[in-house]
């Protein structure tokens, strides 16, 4: 098991369904799932709220 934090971070099978979809998109576009995405999945609803259209565009464009 690859741990990035003391609390157990959800894996692709136990994460919130919406988070799983975002992870799949990150994997397809970046070739990996950033650790910040995995860590934020500790609270799936909060992560999905944070992941707004403006956040997506700023991450995609690097601004």
C-alpha atoms as a PDB file:
ATOM      1  CA  UNK A   1       0.000   0.000   0.000  1.00  0.00           C
ATOM      2  CA  UNK A   2       1.318   3.425  -0.924  1.00  0.00           C
ATOM      3  CA  UNK A   3       0.613   5.874   1.920  1.00  0.00           C
ATOM      4  CA  UNK A   4       0.759   9.630   1.350  1.00  0.00           C
ATOM      5  CA  UNK A   5      -0.668  10.627   4.734  1.00  0.00           C
ATOM      6  CA  UNK A   6      -1.258   9.256   8.219  1.00  0.00           C
ATOM      7  CA  UNK A   7      -5.039   8.844   7.665  1.00  0.00           C
ATOM      8  CA  UNK A   8      -5.822   6.152   5.140  1.00  0.00           C
ATOM      9  CA  UNK A   9      -6.553   7.862   1.820  1.00  0.00           C
ATOM     10  CA  UNK A  10      -9.319   6.187  -0.193  1.00  0.00           C
ATOM     11  CA  UNK A  11      -8.208   4.114  -3.145  1.00  0.00           C
ATOM     12  CA  UNK A  12      -9.884   3.995  -6.551  1.00  0.00           C
ATOM     13  CA  UNK A  13     -12.388   1.399  -5.300  1.00  0.00           C
ATOM     14  CA  UNK A  14     -13.436   3.074  -2.044  1.00  0.00           C
ATOM     15  CA  UNK A  15     -13.465   6.738  -3.104  1.00  0.00           C
ATOM     16  CA  UNK A  16     -16.682   8.674  -3.710  1.00  0.00           C
ATOM     17  CA  UNK A  17     -18.094   7.933  -7.193  1.00  0.00           C
ATOM     18  CA  UNK A  18     -17.614  11.542  -8.336  1.00  0.00           C
ATOM     19  CA  UNK A  19     -14.033  11.494  -7.101  1.00  0.00           C
ATOM     20  CA  UNK A  20     -13.397   8.262  -9.004  1.00  0.00           C
ATOM     21  CA  UNK A  21     -14.529   9.986 -12.209  1.00  0.00           C
ATOM     22  CA  UNK A  22     -12.206  12.952 -11.598  1.00  0.00           C
ATOM     23  CA  UNK A  23      -9.316  10.597 -10.865  1.00  0.00           C
ATOM     24  CA  UNK A  24      -9.996   8.758 -14.111  1.00  0.00           C
ATOM     25  CA  UNK A  25      -9.885  12.055 -16.031  1.00  0.00           C
ATOM     26  CA  UNK A  26      -6.627  13.038 -14.332  1.00  0.00           C
ATOM     27  CA  UNK A  27      -5.139   9.631 -15.125  1.00  0.00           C
ATOM     28  CA  UNK A  28      -6.197   9.932 -18.769  1.00  0.00           C
ATOM     29  CA  UNK A  29      -4.911  13.490 -19.189  1.00  0.00           C
ATOM     30  CA  UNK A  30      -1.844  13.536 -16.948  1.00  0.00           C
ATOM     31  CA  UNK A  31      -0.890   9.877 -16.798  1.00  0.00           C
ATOM     32  CA  UNK A  32      -1.225   9.850 -12.982  1.00  0.00           C
ATOM     33  CA  UNK A  33      -3.479  11.049 -10.186  1.00  0.00           C
ATOM     34  CA  UNK A  34      -1.859  13.932  -8.254  1.00  0.00           C
ATOM     35  CA  UNK A  35      -1.402  13.295  -4.517  1.00  0.00           C
ATOM     36  CA  UNK A  36      -3.416  16.416  -3.726  1.00  0.00           C
ATOM     37  CA  UNK A  37      -6.405  14.792  -5.473  1.00  0.00           C
ATOM     38  CA  UNK A  38      -5.928  11.628  -3.435  1.00  0.00           C
ATOM     39  CA  UNK A  39      -5.548  13.507  -0.150  1.00  0.00           C
ATOM     40  CA  UNK A  40      -8.604  15.684  -0.806  1.00  0.00           C
ATOM     41  CA  UNK A  41     -10.629  12.505  -1.333  1.00  0.00           C
ATOM     42  CA  UNK A  42     -10.652  11.969   2.441  1.00  0.00           C
ATOM     43  CA  UNK A  43     -13.752  14.163   2.277  1.00  0.00           C
ATOM     44  CA  UNK A  44     -15.235  13.400  -1.141  1.00  0.00           C
ATOM     45  CA  UNK A  45     -18.071  15.917  -0.945  1.00  0.00           C
ATOM     46  CA  UNK A  46     -15.717  18.748  -0.005  1.00  0.00           C
ATOM     47  CA  UNK A  47     -13.337  17.778  -2.806  1.00  0.00           C
ATOM     48  CA  UNK A  48     -16.140  17.811  -5.368  1.00  0.00           C
ATOM     49  CA  UNK A  49     -17.284  21.220  -4.087  1.00  0.00           C
ATOM     50  CA  UNK A  50     -13.733  22.557  -4.393  1.00  0.00           C
ATOM     51  CA  UNK A  51     -13.448  21.168  -7.915  1.00  0.00           C
ATOM     52  CA  UNK A  52     -15.398  23.990  -9.573  1.00  0.00           C
ATOM     53  CA  UNK A  53     -15.219  24.957 -13.263  1.00  0.00           C
ATOM     54  CA  UNK A  54     -12.831  27.824 -12.425  1.00  0.00           C
ATOM     55  CA  UNK A  55     -10.501  25.447 -10.567  1.00  0.00           C
ATOM     56  CA  UNK A  56     -10.552  22.991 -13.470  1.00  0.00           C
ATOM     57  CA  UNK A  57      -9.685  25.675 -16.015  1.00  0.00           C
ATOM     58  CA  UNK A  58      -6.891  27.158 -13.907  1.00  0.00           C
ATOM     59  CA  UNK A  59      -5.305  23.739 -13.367  1.00  0.00           C
ATOM     60  CA  UNK A  60      -5.713  22.798 -17.023  1.00  0.00           C
ATOM     61  CA  UNK A  61      -4.076  26.019 -18.220  1.00  0.00           C
ATOM     62  CA  UNK A  62      -1.488  26.178 -15.441  1.00  0.00           C
ATOM     63  CA  UNK A  63      -2.558  29.645 -14.292  1.00  0.00           C
END
